Amino acid sequence: MRRSVKPIRNHVCTHAFCRVPLSPDAIAQLYARFMELKEKRRLPKSMTFD
């Protein structure tokens, strides 16, 4: 006799795609670009990288 079994789902993430944090390298690249834009005065000095 054939039975179909539903997979156990992670109840924390109910979205189609779970959010995954960025890698440290990606964050470093974003921060370098942020600092470059601040130096070129394309971003206000009051803006922070959070």
N, C-alpha and C. Protein backbone atom coordinates (compact mmCIF):
# COMPACT_ATOMS: atom_id res chain seq x y z
N MET A 1 0.84 -1.17 0.00
CA MET A 1 0.00 0.00 0.00
C MET A 1 0.89 1.24 0.00
N ARG A 2 0.55 2.17 -0.84
CA ARG A 2 1.35 3.38 -0.99
C ARG A 2 0.77 4.51 -0.15
N ARG A 3 1.63 5.19 0.61
CA ARG A 3 1.20 6.32 1.42
C ARG A 3 1.99 7.57 1.02
N SER A 4 1.31 8.68 0.98
CA SER A 4 2.04 9.92 0.73
C SER A 4 2.23 10.63 2.07
N VAL A 5 3.44 11.09 2.28
CA VAL A 5 3.80 11.75 3.53
C VAL A 5 4.17 13.18 3.23
N LYS A 6 3.58 14.11 3.98
CA LYS A 6 3.92 15.51 3.81
C LYS A 6 5.25 15.79 4.51
N PRO A 7 6.11 16.61 3.88
CA PRO A 7 7.39 16.92 4.52
C PRO A 7 7.19 17.82 5.74
N ILE A 8 8.09 17.69 6.69
CA ILE A 8 8.05 18.55 7.88
C ILE A 8 8.60 19.90 7.47
N ARG A 9 7.81 20.94 7.65
CA ARG A 9 8.22 22.29 7.25
C ARG A 9 8.75 23.05 8.45
N ASN A 10 9.63 23.97 8.17
CA ASN A 10 10.15 24.87 9.19
C ASN A 10 9.06 25.91 9.47
N HIS A 11 8.54 25.93 10.65
CA HIS A 11 7.44 26.83 10.97
C HIS A 11 7.88 28.27 11.17
N VAL A 12 9.19 28.50 11.29
CA VAL A 12 9.69 29.86 11.45
C VAL A 12 9.57 30.61 10.13
N CYS A 13 9.86 29.94 9.04
CA CYS A 13 9.84 30.59 7.73
C CYS A 13 8.66 30.06 6.94
N THR A 14 7.67 30.91 6.71
CA THR A 14 6.49 30.48 5.96
C THR A 14 6.44 31.11 4.57
N HIS A 15 7.49 31.82 4.18
CA HIS A 15 7.55 32.45 2.87
C HIS A 15 8.05 31.46 1.83
N ALA A 16 7.88 31.80 0.57
CA ALA A 16 8.37 30.93 -0.50
C ALA A 16 9.89 30.80 -0.42
N PHE A 17 10.58 31.90 -0.11
CA PHE A 17 12.02 31.89 0.05
C PHE A 17 12.36 32.44 1.42
N CYS A 18 13.18 31.74 2.17
CA CYS A 18 13.59 32.21 3.49
C CYS A 18 14.67 33.27 3.34
N ARG A 19 14.67 34.23 4.23
CA ARG A 19 15.68 35.29 4.21
C ARG A 19 17.01 34.72 4.70
N VAL A 20 18.06 35.01 3.97
CA VAL A 20 19.40 34.54 4.32
C VAL A 20 20.28 35.78 4.50
N PRO A 21 21.04 35.86 5.60
CA PRO A 21 21.89 37.03 5.79
C PRO A 21 23.01 37.09 4.75
N LEU A 22 23.44 38.30 4.44
CA LEU A 22 24.54 38.50 3.49
C LEU A 22 25.84 37.94 4.06
N SER A 23 26.72 37.57 3.17
CA SER A 23 28.03 37.09 3.59
C SER A 23 28.86 38.28 4.07
N PRO A 24 29.87 38.05 4.92
CA PRO A 24 30.75 39.14 5.36
C PRO A 24 31.43 39.85 4.19
N ASP A 25 31.78 39.11 3.14
CA ASP A 25 32.41 39.74 1.96
C ASP A 25 31.46 40.70 1.27
N ALA A 26 30.20 40.33 1.15
CA ALA A 26 29.21 41.20 0.51
C ALA A 26 29.00 42.46 1.33
N ILE A 27 28.96 42.31 2.64
CA ILE A 27 28.79 43.49 3.51
C ILE A 27 30.00 44.40 3.38
N ALA A 28 31.20 43.84 3.31
CA ALA A 28 32.42 44.64 3.15
C ALA A 28 32.39 45.41 1.83
N GLN A 29 31.92 44.78 0.76
CA GLN A 29 31.82 45.45 -0.53
C GLN A 29 30.81 46.59 -0.49
N LEU A 30 29.68 46.35 0.16
CA LEU A 30 28.67 47.41 0.29
C LEU A 30 29.19 48.58 1.11
N TYR A 31 29.93 48.27 2.18
CA TYR A 31 30.48 49.34 3.02
C TYR A 31 31.52 50.16 2.24
N ALA A 32 32.36 49.48 1.47
CA ALA A 32 33.36 50.19 0.66
C ALA A 32 32.68 51.12 -0.34
N ARG A 33 31.62 50.64 -0.97
CA ARG A 33 30.87 51.48 -1.93
C ARG A 33 30.21 52.65 -1.21
N PHE A 34 29.66 52.39 -0.03
CA PHE A 34 29.04 53.44 0.77
C PHE A 34 30.06 54.53 1.10
N MET A 35 31.26 54.13 1.53
CA MET A 35 32.29 55.12 1.86
C MET A 35 32.75 55.88 0.62
N GLU A 36 32.83 55.20 -0.51
CA GLU A 36 33.21 55.85 -1.76
C GLU A 36 32.18 56.93 -2.14
N LEU A 37 30.91 56.61 -2.01
CA LEU A 37 29.86 57.59 -2.33
C LEU A 37 29.87 58.76 -1.36
N LYS A 38 30.18 58.51 -0.10
CA LYS A 38 30.27 59.62 0.86
C LYS A 38 31.44 60.53 0.55
N GLU A 39 32.58 59.94 0.16
CA GLU A 39 33.76 60.74 -0.19
C GLU A 39 33.50 61.60 -1.42
N LYS A 40 32.72 61.08 -2.36
CA LYS A 40 32.40 61.84 -3.57
C LYS A 40 31.24 62.81 -3.34
N ARG A 41 30.76 62.86 -2.12
CA ARG A 41 29.65 63.74 -1.71
C ARG A 41 28.36 63.45 -2.47
N ARG A 42 28.17 62.19 -2.80
CA ARG A 42 26.92 61.79 -3.43
C ARG A 42 25.91 61.33 -2.39
N LEU A 43 26.38 61.17 -1.15
CA LEU A 43 25.52 60.85 -0.02
C LEU A 43 25.76 61.91 1.05
N PRO A 44 24.75 62.24 1.82
CA PRO A 44 24.94 63.22 2.90
C PRO A 44 25.88 62.68 3.98
N LYS A 45 26.65 63.59 4.60
CA LYS A 45 27.57 63.18 5.65
C LYS A 45 26.86 62.61 6.86
N SER A 46 25.62 63.00 7.05
CA SER A 46 24.85 62.52 8.21
C SER A 46 24.38 61.08 8.03
N MET A 47 24.44 60.54 6.82
CA MET A 47 23.96 59.17 6.58
C MET A 47 24.91 58.16 7.20
N THR A 48 24.34 57.14 7.81
CA THR A 48 25.15 56.10 8.45
C THR A 48 24.94 54.76 7.76
N PHE A 49 25.89 53.87 7.94
CA PHE A 49 25.82 52.52 7.39
C PHE A 49 25.38 51.59 8.51
N ASP A 50 24.13 51.25 8.49
CA ASP A 50 23.60 50.36 9.56
C ASP A 50 23.13 49.07 8.99
